[in-house]
Amino acid sequence: MFKQWIHNANSISRVALSSAPLCAAELLSSARARTGLHDFGPEPIEDALNQLQTAVHEEADLNLFGRVSTHWDNLRLLTNLLILRDRELDDPTILQRPITQPIFVLGMPRSGSSFLHSLLAEDDASFTPRCWQAIYPYPDHPAAGRRAGPNKVQRQFDFFHRLAPDLRNVHPFDALTPQECTEFTAHSFRSLRFETIYHVPSYKRWVQQAGHVQGYRTHRRFLQHLQGSRATRCVLKCPDHVFAMEALREVYPDARVIFTHRDPLKVLPSVARLTEVLRRPFAKRIDQHAIGHQVSSDWANGAQQIVAADKQDLWPDKHVFHVHYKALTAAPLDTVQQIYDHFGLEFTPSFRERLREHIARKPTGGYGRNVYRFADFGLRPDEERGRYRDYMAHFGIDQEVVVQ
């Protein structure tokens, strides 16, 4: 244990003082030395990790905390891969576990998707991964570290909330909150999670060119571990699935897909603010206008892809359900009932009662009251309204923001 502590301390000092990023080979070697394990699994990761390391070092303008925390985050992901593979070598049947008809919630961010995800997670017949499980999938494994598990994750989250106090109102979560899927694809180092937390345009372009199929294979493998030996329906959520729908369909051909929709003019400044809050602890400087431009460009593209997927029948109609923010927030229980009816799922009395209790506890999903200004992020409401006119018309989305 003392030798591992010395190794960890030396690693932190090197990262903090270095003017160059550690290459993937060095990070892999460090993870192996920390854990005593050697096999990272069947998917190649070095190229993607090198791309991420270069982009973070050259473009993200990290402060000291950002450099150290990014290093540890990468080592955590690599450690998880080593642990997953160690379990697979002990029990090869893990990779044969079926993931049948998983439900994915995707669509516009800040459109009630987290609220809906938390409601669907109340069904005992479903498996919804929690935040702590994505961070420590096997807390009892010797390589996971001391006291790994939900309590340790909550302490880590409490620390981060002190660094980013606005996060509780903008995006409330704790160790037991249902987790977004980008945490699973992050283990492939081909994930949109990284370009939310860091300004890394070159890495973003590389992922777009390399594609997302490998990331979703890692996603599926992660689920096979988390759900255990009992096959059950997985309920998953992330708005960013919009940018990888072809890969999602390839890896999960029988998926059930729920699109959430909202007036983009309510979405954009909120997403920009969340991005700012997430990046600020890690970066020396934050360019709000650059964030606004990125968010506007990304989701104008995302809206077009959602429309195209609907027009092209990317999934059969019986596998797709559309939810509007206003309908969800006005009648959440009825909305979930409609989803279950559409997908032919059993809506049990016990599930209904848990939904009632959840809605009474968190009628707004736990969000505080937030006010965002377009001008803070260099956005003009009239221009943004034009970008999304086709999307709103196609899905019949009501305006929540009146443009003068």
Protein backbone atom coordinates (compact mmCIF):
# COMPACT_ATOMS: atom_id res chain seq x y z
CA MET A 1 0.00 0.00 0.00
CA PHE A 2 2.85 2.41 0.85
CA LYS A 3 4.53 1.71 -2.49
CA GLN A 4 1.24 2.44 -4.29
CA TRP A 5 0.89 5.73 -2.36
CA ILE A 6 4.42 6.74 -3.42
CA HIS A 7 3.62 5.82 -7.02
CA ASN A 8 0.39 7.87 -6.91
CA ALA A 9 2.10 10.90 -5.36
CA ASN A 10 4.88 10.83 -7.94
CA SER A 11 2.31 10.53 -10.72
CA ILE A 12 0.39 13.59 -9.47
CA SER A 13 3.57 15.66 -9.18
CA ARG A 14 4.59 14.75 -12.71
CA VAL A 15 1.19 15.68 -14.13
CA ALA A 16 1.06 18.97 -12.23
CA LEU A 17 4.52 20.07 -13.34
CA SER A 18 4.67 18.62 -16.83
CA SER A 19 4.42 20.85 -19.92
CA ALA A 20 3.44 17.88 -22.09
CA PRO A 21 0.61 15.37 -21.76
CA LEU A 22 1.25 11.78 -20.80
CA CYS A 23 0.78 9.52 -23.79
CA ALA A 24 -1.65 6.64 -23.73
CA ALA A 25 1.11 4.07 -23.25
CA GLU A 26 2.26 5.85 -20.09
CA LEU A 27 -1.27 6.02 -18.69
CA LEU A 28 -1.88 2.35 -19.43
CA SER A 29 1.39 1.46 -17.73
CA SER A 30 0.44 3.53 -14.69
CA ALA A 31 -2.97 1.85 -14.42
CA ARG A 32 -1.36 -1.57 -14.64
CA ALA A 33 1.17 -0.67 -11.95
CA ARG A 34 -1.57 0.62 -9.62
CA THR A 35 -3.80 -2.44 -9.98
CA GLY A 36 -1.51 -5.36 -10.77
CA LEU A 37 -3.83 -6.17 -13.70
CA HIS A 38 -2.78 -6.07 -17.35
CA ASP A 39 -5.65 -6.77 -19.79
CA PHE A 40 -7.89 -3.82 -20.76
CA GLY A 41 -10.28 -5.89 -22.83
CA PRO A 42 -11.13 -6.53 -26.47
CA GLU A 43 -11.55 -2.97 -27.80
CA PRO A 44 -8.51 -0.83 -28.77
CA ILE A 45 -8.25 2.38 -26.74
CA GLU A 46 -4.75 3.83 -27.21
CA ASP A 47 -5.47 5.91 -30.31
CA ALA A 48 -8.58 7.48 -28.78
CA LEU A 49 -6.82 8.16 -25.49
CA ASN A 50 -3.90 9.82 -27.28
CA GLN A 51 -6.33 12.03 -29.23
CA LEU A 52 -8.06 13.05 -26.01
CA GLN A 53 -4.82 13.72 -24.13
CA THR A 54 -3.46 15.91 -26.93
CA ALA A 55 -6.66 17.91 -27.28
CA VAL A 56 -7.09 18.45 -23.53
CA HIS A 57 -3.47 19.56 -23.18
CA GLU A 58 -3.43 21.89 -26.20
CA GLU A 59 -6.98 23.30 -26.24
CA ALA A 60 -8.75 23.01 -22.88
CA ASP A 61 -6.59 25.61 -21.02
CA LEU A 62 -6.65 23.51 -17.87
CA ASN A 63 -5.73 24.90 -14.47
CA LEU A 64 -3.82 22.84 -11.89
CA PHE A 65 -6.97 21.19 -10.58
CA GLY A 66 -8.04 20.46 -14.13
CA ARG A 67 -4.74 18.76 -14.98
CA VAL A 68 -4.70 16.60 -11.86
CA SER A 69 -8.40 15.68 -11.95
CA THR A 70 -8.27 14.82 -15.66
CA HIS A 71 -5.31 12.56 -15.02
CA TRP A 72 -7.15 10.77 -12.23
CA ASP A 73 -10.32 10.51 -14.26
CA ASN A 74 -8.42 8.78 -17.05
CA LEU A 75 -6.78 6.42 -14.58
CA ARG A 76 -10.17 5.63 -13.04
CA LEU A 77 -11.60 4.75 -16.46
CA LEU A 78 -8.59 2.57 -17.24
CA THR A 79 -8.82 0.90 -13.83
CA ASN A 80 -12.47 0.10 -14.48
CA LEU A 81 -11.57 -1.48 -17.81
CA LEU A 82 -8.95 -3.66 -16.09
CA ILE A 83 -11.48 -4.71 -13.45
CA LEU A 84 -14.18 -5.50 -16.03
CA ARG A 85 -11.74 -7.66 -17.96
CA ASP A 86 -10.57 -9.41 -14.79
CA ARG A 87 -14.18 -10.33 -14.01
CA GLU A 88 -14.74 -11.51 -17.58
CA LEU A 89 -11.72 -13.79 -17.41
CA ASP A 90 -13.13 -15.28 -14.20
CA ASP A 91 -16.63 -15.60 -15.73
CA PRO A 92 -16.74 -15.59 -19.57
CA THR A 93 -20.54 -15.84 -19.50
CA ILE A 94 -20.73 -12.13 -18.60
CA LEU A 95 -20.25 -11.21 -22.26
CA GLN A 96 -23.09 -13.55 -23.22
CA ARG A 97 -25.68 -11.79 -21.06
CA PRO A 98 -28.52 -10.45 -23.21
CA ILE A 99 -29.49 -6.78 -23.26
CA THR A 100 -33.03 -7.07 -24.57
CA GLN A 101 -35.23 -4.18 -25.71
CA PRO A 102 -33.46 -1.48 -23.67
CA ILE A 103 -35.24 1.87 -23.41
CA PHE A 104 -33.24 4.95 -24.41
CA VAL A 105 -34.36 8.50 -23.59
CA LEU A 106 -32.79 11.03 -25.96
CA GLY A 107 -33.60 14.25 -27.76
CA MET A 108 -33.31 17.90 -26.85
CA PRO A 109 -31.36 18.49 -23.62
CA ARG A 110 -33.05 20.35 -20.78
CA SER A 111 -36.38 19.06 -22.09
CA GLY A 112 -37.44 16.94 -19.14
CA SER A 113 -35.32 13.93 -20.09
CA SER A 114 -33.71 13.62 -16.63
CA PHE A 115 -37.12 13.94 -14.96
CA LEU A 116 -38.56 11.26 -17.24
CA HIS A 117 -35.54 9.02 -16.69
CA SER A 118 -35.98 9.27 -12.93
CA LEU A 119 -39.67 8.37 -13.26
CA LEU A 120 -38.98 5.31 -15.42
CA ALA A 121 -36.33 4.25 -12.90
CA GLU A 122 -39.06 3.74 -10.29
CA ASP A 123 -40.19 0.51 -11.97
CA ASP A 124 -38.82 -2.56 -10.18
CA ALA A 125 -39.06 -4.47 -13.47
CA SER A 126 -36.36 -2.23 -14.96
CA PHE A 127 -32.66 -1.77 -14.28
CA THR A 128 -31.46 1.84 -14.27
CA PRO A 129 -27.71 2.32 -13.63
CA ARG A 130 -26.89 4.81 -10.90
CA CYS A 131 -24.07 7.33 -10.78
CA TRP A 132 -22.00 5.41 -8.26
CA GLN A 133 -22.15 2.23 -10.36
CA ALA A 134 -20.66 3.98 -13.37
CA ILE A 135 -17.77 5.21 -11.23
CA TYR A 136 -17.18 1.96 -9.29
CA PRO A 137 -18.85 -0.92 -11.20
CA TYR A 138 -17.18 -3.44 -8.87
CA PRO A 139 -16.63 -1.65 -5.53
CA ASP A 140 -15.60 -4.90 -3.86
CA HIS A 141 -12.75 -5.58 -6.30
CA PRO A 142 -9.31 -5.15 -4.68
CA ALA A 143 -8.22 -2.83 -7.50
CA ALA A 144 -11.14 -0.44 -6.93
CA GLY A 145 -9.50 1.17 -3.92
CA ARG A 146 -10.57 1.61 -0.32
CA ARG A 147 -14.25 2.07 0.53
CA ALA A 148 -15.30 2.27 -3.11
CA GLY A 149 -19.05 2.57 -3.46
CA PRO A 150 -21.95 5.01 -3.14
CA ASN A 151 -20.73 6.73 0.04
CA LYS A 152 -17.34 7.49 -1.46
CA VAL A 153 -18.94 8.75 -4.66
CA GLN A 154 -21.25 11.02 -2.66
CA ARG A 155 -18.25 12.53 -0.87
CA GLN A 156 -16.62 13.15 -4.25
CA PHE A 157 -19.80 14.79 -5.55
CA ASP A 158 -20.07 16.95 -2.41
CA PHE A 159 -16.53 18.17 -3.00
CA PHE A 160 -17.26 18.98 -6.64
CA HIS A 161 -20.44 20.82 -5.65
CA ARG A 162 -18.31 23.06 -3.43
CA LEU A 163 -16.22 23.89 -6.49
CA ALA A 164 -19.33 24.40 -8.65
CA PRO A 165 -22.10 25.52 -6.25
CA ASP A 166 -24.46 26.54 -9.07
CA LEU A 167 -24.59 22.95 -10.28
CA ARG A 168 -27.24 21.90 -7.74
CA ASN A 169 -29.79 24.23 -9.30
CA VAL A 170 -28.72 23.72 -12.91
CA HIS A 171 -28.40 19.92 -12.84
CA PRO A 172 -29.09 18.27 -9.47
CA PHE A 173 -27.64 14.81 -8.91
CA ASP A 174 -26.18 12.57 -6.23
CA ALA A 175 -24.59 9.14 -6.02
CA LEU A 176 -27.95 7.38 -6.38
CA THR A 177 -29.23 9.45 -9.30
CA PRO A 178 -29.77 7.56 -12.59
CA GLN A 179 -26.61 8.04 -14.64
CA GLU A 180 -26.29 9.30 -18.21
CA CYS A 181 -24.85 6.93 -20.80
CA THR A 182 -21.86 9.09 -21.71
CA GLU A 183 -20.21 7.84 -18.54
CA PHE A 184 -20.26 4.33 -20.04
CA THR A 185 -19.03 5.34 -23.50
CA ALA A 186 -16.29 7.36 -21.78
CA HIS A 187 -14.58 4.06 -21.01
CA SER A 188 -13.86 3.72 -24.74
CA PHE A 189 -12.42 7.26 -24.77
CA ARG A 190 -14.79 7.91 -27.68
CA SER A 191 -17.46 9.89 -25.92
CA LEU A 192 -19.18 13.26 -26.18
CA ARG A 193 -18.84 13.48 -22.40
CA PHE A 194 -15.36 14.93 -22.81
CA GLU A 195 -16.31 17.76 -25.14
CA THR A 196 -18.95 18.88 -22.64
CA ILE A 197 -16.46 19.13 -19.78
CA TYR A 198 -13.55 20.48 -21.86
CA HIS A 199 -13.07 22.74 -24.85
CA VAL A 200 -11.54 20.11 -27.18
CA PRO A 201 -12.64 20.82 -30.78
CA SER A 202 -9.95 18.64 -32.40
CA TYR A 203 -10.98 15.64 -30.30
CA LYS A 204 -14.62 16.28 -31.14
CA ARG A 205 -13.82 16.24 -34.87
CA TRP A 206 -11.81 13.05 -34.46
CA VAL A 207 -14.68 11.25 -32.70
CA GLN A 208 -17.10 12.36 -35.42
CA GLN A 209 -14.77 10.92 -38.07
CA ALA A 210 -13.93 7.74 -36.16
CA GLY A 211 -17.57 7.01 -35.39
CA HIS A 212 -19.40 5.83 -32.29
CA VAL A 213 -19.87 2.08 -32.80
CA GLN A 214 -16.91 1.13 -30.62
CA GLY A 215 -18.17 3.43 -27.90
CA TYR A 216 -21.55 1.70 -27.93
CA ARG A 217 -19.95 -1.73 -27.84
CA THR A 218 -18.20 -0.62 -24.65
CA HIS A 219 -21.55 0.76 -23.46
CA ARG A 220 -23.20 -2.64 -23.98
CA ARG A 221 -20.33 -4.46 -22.29
CA PHE A 222 -20.63 -2.15 -19.29
CA LEU A 223 -24.35 -2.91 -19.01
CA GLN A 224 -23.71 -6.65 -19.17
CA HIS A 225 -21.61 -6.26 -16.04
CA LEU A 226 -23.91 -3.89 -14.18
CA GLN A 227 -27.20 -5.70 -14.68
CA GLY A 228 -25.81 -8.93 -13.26
CA SER A 229 -26.94 -12.42 -14.14
CA ARG A 230 -30.67 -11.57 -14.06
CA ALA A 231 -31.76 -10.38 -17.51
CA THR A 232 -33.96 -7.33 -17.16
CA ARG A 233 -35.05 -4.27 -19.09
CA CYS A 234 -32.43 -1.50 -19.00
CA VAL A 235 -33.57 2.13 -18.91
CA LEU A 236 -30.97 4.59 -20.16
CA LYS A 237 -30.77 8.27 -20.99
CA CYS A 238 -28.56 10.86 -22.62
CA PRO A 239 -29.43 13.68 -25.04
CA ASP A 240 -26.12 13.06 -26.85
CA HIS A 241 -27.41 9.79 -28.30
CA VAL A 242 -28.91 12.08 -30.95
CA PHE A 243 -25.45 12.42 -32.48
CA ALA A 244 -24.87 8.66 -32.66
CA MET A 245 -28.24 7.20 -33.60
CA GLU A 246 -26.87 4.94 -36.34
CA ALA A 247 -24.35 3.42 -33.91
CA LEU A 248 -27.03 3.04 -31.23
CA ARG A 249 -29.25 1.18 -33.68
CA GLU A 250 -26.39 -1.06 -34.84
CA VAL A 251 -25.44 -2.15 -31.32
CA TYR A 252 -29.01 -2.19 -29.93
CA PRO A 253 -31.23 -3.11 -32.90
CA ASP A 254 -34.26 -3.85 -30.68
CA ALA A 255 -34.01 -0.66 -28.61
CA ARG A 256 -37.11 1.31 -27.63
CA VAL A 257 -36.47 5.02 -28.11
CA ILE A 258 -38.13 7.98 -26.40
CA PHE A 259 -37.48 11.43 -27.88
CA THR A 260 -38.07 14.42 -25.61
CA HIS A 261 -38.90 17.78 -27.22
CA ARG A 262 -38.99 21.38 -26.05
CA ASP A 263 -38.81 24.87 -27.51
CA PRO A 264 -35.06 25.21 -28.30
CA LEU A 265 -35.09 28.81 -27.09
CA LYS A 266 -35.72 27.47 -23.58
CA VAL A 267 -33.04 24.84 -24.12
CA LEU A 268 -30.04 26.69 -25.56
CA PRO A 269 -29.13 29.22 -22.83
CA SER A 270 -29.75 26.53 -20.20
CA VAL A 271 -27.38 24.08 -21.92
CA ALA A 272 -24.81 26.84 -22.36
CA ARG A 273 -25.01 27.68 -18.67
CA LEU A 274 -24.66 24.03 -17.65
CA THR A 275 -21.60 23.69 -19.91
CA GLU A 276 -20.08 26.79 -18.33
CA VAL A 277 -20.71 25.49 -14.79
CA LEU A 278 -19.19 22.08 -15.61
CA ARG A 279 -16.08 23.53 -17.27
CA ARG A 280 -15.29 26.33 -14.85
CA PRO A 281 -13.58 24.25 -12.10
CA PHE A 282 -11.15 22.76 -14.63
CA ALA A 283 -10.19 25.70 -16.87
CA LYS A 284 -8.16 28.85 -16.33
CA ARG A 285 -10.57 30.90 -18.43
CA ILE A 286 -14.10 30.41 -19.77
CA ASP A 287 -15.29 31.93 -23.04
CA GLN A 288 -19.07 32.18 -22.70
CA HIS A 289 -19.57 33.25 -26.30
CA ALA A 290 -17.55 30.27 -27.57
CA ILE A 291 -19.74 27.99 -25.44
CA GLY A 292 -22.86 29.64 -26.84
CA HIS A 293 -21.63 29.16 -30.41
CA GLN A 294 -20.81 25.48 -29.75
CA VAL A 295 -24.17 24.76 -28.13
CA SER A 296 -26.12 26.57 -30.87
CA SER A 297 -24.24 24.80 -33.67
CA ASP A 298 -24.42 21.36 -32.04
CA TRP A 299 -28.12 21.40 -31.34
CA ALA A 300 -29.12 22.95 -34.65
CA ASN A 301 -27.38 19.92 -36.14
CA GLY A 302 -28.99 17.64 -33.54
CA ALA A 303 -32.47 18.95 -34.35
CA GLN A 304 -31.89 18.26 -38.04
CA GLN A 305 -30.77 14.72 -37.24
CA ILE A 306 -33.87 14.08 -35.12
CA VAL A 307 -36.11 15.24 -37.97
CA ALA A 308 -34.15 13.13 -40.48
CA ALA A 309 -34.38 10.04 -38.27
CA ASP A 310 -38.15 10.49 -38.03
CA LYS A 311 -38.57 11.00 -41.78
CA GLN A 312 -36.36 8.02 -42.62
CA ASP A 313 -38.04 5.71 -40.08
CA LEU A 314 -34.70 4.89 -38.46
CA TRP A 315 -36.70 2.79 -36.00
CA PRO A 316 -40.14 1.22 -36.52
CA ASP A 317 -42.97 3.42 -35.23
CA LYS A 318 -43.82 0.90 -32.52
CA HIS A 319 -40.27 1.28 -31.16
CA VAL A 320 -40.45 5.11 -30.90
CA PHE A 321 -42.38 7.46 -28.64
CA HIS A 322 -42.27 11.27 -28.60
CA VAL A 323 -42.69 13.27 -25.39
CA HIS A 324 -43.25 17.02 -25.23
CA TYR A 325 -41.93 18.90 -22.22
CA LYS A 326 -45.21 20.67 -21.53
CA ALA A 327 -47.20 17.43 -21.54
CA LEU A 328 -44.64 15.66 -19.35
CA THR A 329 -44.51 18.36 -16.70
CA ALA A 330 -48.29 18.91 -16.73
CA ALA A 331 -49.16 15.21 -16.39
CA PRO A 332 -46.07 13.08 -15.67
CA LEU A 333 -47.94 10.00 -14.51
CA ASP A 334 -50.20 10.01 -17.56
CA THR A 335 -47.16 10.44 -19.80
CA VAL A 336 -45.47 7.36 -18.33
CA GLN A 337 -48.72 5.41 -18.70
CA GLN A 338 -48.82 6.34 -22.41
CA ILE A 339 -45.22 5.24 -22.87
CA TYR A 340 -45.93 1.87 -21.27
CA ASP A 341 -49.06 1.39 -23.34
CA HIS A 342 -47.16 2.21 -26.53
CA PHE A 343 -44.34 -0.25 -25.81
CA GLY A 344 -46.65 -2.94 -24.45
CA LEU A 345 -45.17 -2.86 -20.93
CA GLU A 346 -46.99 -3.77 -17.75
CA PHE A 347 -47.94 -0.70 -15.71
CA THR A 348 -48.35 -2.24 -12.26
CA PRO A 349 -50.22 -0.69 -9.32
CA SER A 350 -47.01 -0.69 -7.25
CA PHE A 351 -45.18 1.23 -10.02
CA ARG A 352 -48.03 3.74 -10.19
CA GLU A 353 -47.81 4.32 -6.45
CA ARG A 354 -44.05 4.84 -6.54
CA LEU A 355 -44.53 7.34 -9.35
CA ARG A 356 -47.06 9.26 -7.27
CA GLU A 357 -44.62 9.39 -4.36
CA HIS A 358 -41.72 10.45 -6.60
CA ILE A 359 -43.72 13.24 -8.23
CA ALA A 360 -44.90 14.49 -4.83
CA ARG A 361 -41.28 14.53 -3.61
CA LYS A 362 -39.79 16.21 -6.68
CA PRO A 363 -42.54 17.85 -8.75
CA THR A 364 -39.94 19.78 -10.83
CA GLY A 365 -37.38 16.98 -10.92
CA GLY A 366 -35.38 18.67 -8.15
CA TYR A 367 -34.35 21.67 -10.26
CA GLY A 368 -34.11 25.15 -8.76
CA ARG A 369 -35.47 28.26 -10.41
CA ASN A 370 -32.97 29.47 -13.00
CA VAL A 371 -32.92 32.48 -15.31
CA TYR A 372 -30.56 32.51 -18.30
CA ARG A 373 -29.74 35.39 -20.64
CA PHE A 374 -29.07 34.79 -24.32
CA ALA A 375 -26.68 37.75 -24.45
CA ASP A 376 -24.36 36.18 -21.86
CA PHE A 377 -23.50 33.51 -24.42
CA GLY A 378 -23.57 35.67 -27.54
CA LEU A 379 -26.90 34.22 -28.70
CA ARG A 380 -29.64 36.13 -30.49
CA PRO A 381 -33.15 34.75 -30.00
CA ASP A 382 -34.35 35.81 -33.46
CA GLU A 383 -31.47 33.99 -35.18
CA GLU A 384 -31.92 30.89 -33.05
CA ARG A 385 -35.65 30.79 -33.72
CA GLY A 386 -34.93 30.60 -37.45
CA ARG A 387 -32.49 27.72 -36.99
CA TYR A 388 -35.13 25.53 -35.36
CA ARG A 389 -38.27 26.49 -37.27
CA ASP A 390 -38.37 23.24 -39.28
CA TYR A 391 -37.75 21.11 -36.20
CA MET A 392 -40.55 22.78 -34.25
CA ALA A 393 -42.98 22.55 -37.16
CA HIS A 394 -42.19 18.88 -37.82
CA PHE A 395 -42.96 17.84 -34.23
CA GLY A 396 -45.59 20.47 -33.44
CA ILE A 397 -43.60 22.02 -30.58
CA ASP A 398 -45.17 24.99 -28.83
CA GLN A 399 -43.20 28.21 -28.40
CA GLU A 400 -42.29 29.03 -24.81
CA VAL A 401 -40.20 32.10 -25.66
CA VAL A 402 -41.72 34.98 -27.63
CA VAL A 403 -39.20 36.66 -29.91
CA GLN A 404 -39.74 40.38 -30.34
